[in-house]
Amino acid sequence: MFTSIISSKRYWVSVLLLGLVFVVLFSVIEHLMQYGGLAWDTFMDEKIKNGLWVRYLLSRIVGGLLYGMILGYYFELRKRKLNS
């Protein structure tokens, strides 16, 4: 069952969509909590100009991918169990 889910195209589409939604929501919530509002200048100074943009970007990609893979697998497994 695991290999059939991992090899399906629908699983990877859901992984990308769930990961993207996670990255956007997580980034917005973190930004609001860290800066107390929309502080683009401070964000740019801390993350982009100080050279932390690679770490910031990699953390978002890895986090989104892991989140999408876990939830995508859960939803696919649940769907297949209900259809059986």
C-alpha atoms as a PDB file:
ATOM      1  CA  MET A   1       0.000   0.000   0.000  1.00  0.00           C
ATOM      2  CA  PHE A   2       2.836   2.373   0.873  1.00  0.00           C
ATOM      3  CA  THR A   3       4.562   2.097  -2.509  1.00  0.00           C
ATOM      4  CA  SER A   4       1.312   2.456  -4.443  1.00  0.00           C
ATOM      5  CA  ILE A   5       0.492   5.664  -2.570  1.00  0.00           C
ATOM      6  CA  ILE A   6       3.992   7.112  -2.932  1.00  0.00           C
ATOM      7  CA  SER A   7       4.086   6.358  -6.655  1.00  0.00           C
ATOM      8  CA  SER A   8       0.727   7.959  -7.473  1.00  0.00           C
ATOM      9  CA  LYS A   9       0.630  11.348  -9.153  1.00  0.00           C
ATOM     10  CA  ARG A  10      -2.333  12.474  -7.050  1.00  0.00           C
ATOM     11  CA  TYR A  11      -0.263  12.002  -3.883  1.00  0.00           C
ATOM     12  CA  TRP A  12       2.534  14.271  -5.119  1.00  0.00           C
ATOM     13  CA  VAL A  13       0.092  16.939  -6.268  1.00  0.00           C
ATOM     14  CA  SER A  14      -1.459  16.947  -2.795  1.00  0.00           C
ATOM     15  CA  VAL A  15       2.035  17.054  -1.235  1.00  0.00           C
ATOM     16  CA  LEU A  16       2.885  20.178  -3.232  1.00  0.00           C
ATOM     17  CA  LEU A  17      -0.409  21.906  -2.479  1.00  0.00           C
ATOM     18  CA  LEU A  18      -0.391  21.078   1.236  1.00  0.00           C
ATOM     19  CA  GLY A  19       3.272  22.053   1.499  1.00  0.00           C
ATOM     20  CA  LEU A  20       2.682  25.378  -0.217  1.00  0.00           C
ATOM     21  CA  VAL A  21      -0.282  26.206   2.014  1.00  0.00           C
ATOM     22  CA  PHE A  22       1.770  25.269   5.078  1.00  0.00           C
ATOM     23  CA  VAL A  23       4.716  27.447   4.033  1.00  0.00           C
ATOM     24  CA  VAL A  24       2.534  30.469   3.382  1.00  0.00           C
ATOM     25  CA  LEU A  25       0.476  30.161   6.577  1.00  0.00           C
ATOM     26  CA  PHE A  26       3.467  29.339   8.757  1.00  0.00           C
ATOM     27  CA  SER A  27       5.509  32.214   7.344  1.00  0.00           C
ATOM     28  CA  VAL A  28       2.712  34.750   7.810  1.00  0.00           C
ATOM     29  CA  ILE A  29       1.960  33.610  11.366  1.00  0.00           C
ATOM     30  CA  GLU A  30       5.652  33.571  12.296  1.00  0.00           C
ATOM     31  CA  HIS A  31       6.168  37.029  10.798  1.00  0.00           C
ATOM     32  CA  LEU A  32       3.223  38.487  12.694  1.00  0.00           C
ATOM     33  CA  MET A  33       4.329  36.922  15.972  1.00  0.00           C
ATOM     34  CA  GLN A  34       7.997  37.831  15.607  1.00  0.00           C
ATOM     35  CA  TYR A  35       7.585  41.411  14.444  1.00  0.00           C
ATOM     36  CA  GLY A  36       4.221  42.269  15.966  1.00  0.00           C
ATOM     37  CA  GLY A  37       2.741  43.236  12.608  1.00  0.00           C
ATOM     38  CA  LEU A  38       3.851  43.823   9.069  1.00  0.00           C
ATOM     39  CA  ALA A  39       7.448  45.007   9.337  1.00  0.00           C
ATOM     40  CA  TRP A  40       8.880  44.350   5.874  1.00  0.00           C
ATOM     41  CA  ASP A  41      11.928  46.584   6.351  1.00  0.00           C
ATOM     42  CA  THR A  42      12.987  44.803   9.534  1.00  0.00           C
ATOM     43  CA  PHE A  43      12.334  41.428   7.940  1.00  0.00           C
ATOM     44  CA  MET A  44      14.450  42.311   4.910  1.00  0.00           C
ATOM     45  CA  ASP A  45      17.291  43.549   7.112  1.00  0.00           C
ATOM     46  CA  GLU A  46      17.309  40.455   9.325  1.00  0.00           C
ATOM     47  CA  LYS A  47      16.649  37.675   6.818  1.00  0.00           C
ATOM     48  CA  ILE A  48      17.786  38.903   3.426  1.00  0.00           C
ATOM     49  CA  LYS A  49      20.559  41.450   3.923  1.00  0.00           C
ATOM     50  CA  ASN A  50      22.302  39.544   6.720  1.00  0.00           C
ATOM     51  CA  GLY A  51      22.685  36.484   4.508  1.00  0.00           C
ATOM     52  CA  LEU A  52      20.175  34.311   6.341  1.00  0.00           C
ATOM     53  CA  TRP A  53      17.919  33.975   3.299  1.00  0.00           C
ATOM     54  CA  VAL A  54      19.338  30.560   2.317  1.00  0.00           C
ATOM     55  CA  ARG A  55      18.651  29.123   5.758  1.00  0.00           C
ATOM     56  CA  TYR A  56      15.207  30.752   5.798  1.00  0.00           C
ATOM     57  CA  LEU A  57      14.321  29.392   2.365  1.00  0.00           C
ATOM     58  CA  LEU A  58      15.655  25.890   3.044  1.00  0.00           C
ATOM     59  CA  SER A  59      13.771  25.643   6.328  1.00  0.00           C
ATOM     60  CA  ARG A  60      10.535  26.582   4.569  1.00  0.00           C
ATOM     61  CA  ILE A  61      11.073  24.107   1.735  1.00  0.00           C
ATOM     62  CA  VAL A  62      11.993  21.194   4.006  1.00  0.00           C
ATOM     63  CA  GLY A  63       9.189  21.972   6.463  1.00  0.00           C
ATOM     64  CA  GLY A  64       6.605  22.298   3.719  1.00  0.00           C
ATOM     65  CA  LEU A  65       7.756  19.111   2.033  1.00  0.00           C
ATOM     66  CA  LEU A  66       7.649  17.079   5.235  1.00  0.00           C
ATOM     67  CA  TYR A  67       4.270  18.483   6.237  1.00  0.00           C
ATOM     68  CA  GLY A  68       2.847  17.835   2.780  1.00  0.00           C
ATOM     69  CA  MET A  69       4.219  14.288   2.649  1.00  0.00           C
ATOM     70  CA  ILE A  70       2.816  13.342   6.041  1.00  0.00           C
ATOM     71  CA  LEU A  71      -0.628  14.840   5.516  1.00  0.00           C
ATOM     72  CA  GLY A  72      -0.790  13.746   1.882  1.00  0.00           C
ATOM     73  CA  TYR A  73      -0.062  10.160   2.887  1.00  0.00           C
ATOM     74  CA  TYR A  74      -2.628  10.306   5.671  1.00  0.00           C
ATOM     75  CA  PHE A  75      -5.368  11.620   3.366  1.00  0.00           C
ATOM     76  CA  GLU A  76      -4.520   9.148   0.580  1.00  0.00           C
ATOM     77  CA  LEU A  77      -4.496   6.208   2.992  1.00  0.00           C
ATOM     78  CA  ARG A  78      -7.785   7.311   4.495  1.00  0.00           C
ATOM     79  CA  LYS A  79      -9.353   7.656   1.044  1.00  0.00           C
ATOM     80  CA  ARG A  80      -8.217   4.194  -0.004  1.00  0.00           C
ATOM     81  CA  LYS A  81      -9.467   2.593   3.200  1.00  0.00           C
ATOM     82  CA  LEU A  82     -12.892   4.188   2.773  1.00  0.00           C
ATOM     83  CA  ASN A  83     -13.139   3.001  -0.853  1.00  0.00           C
ATOM     84  CA  SER A  84     -12.188  -0.590   0.031  1.00  0.00           C
END
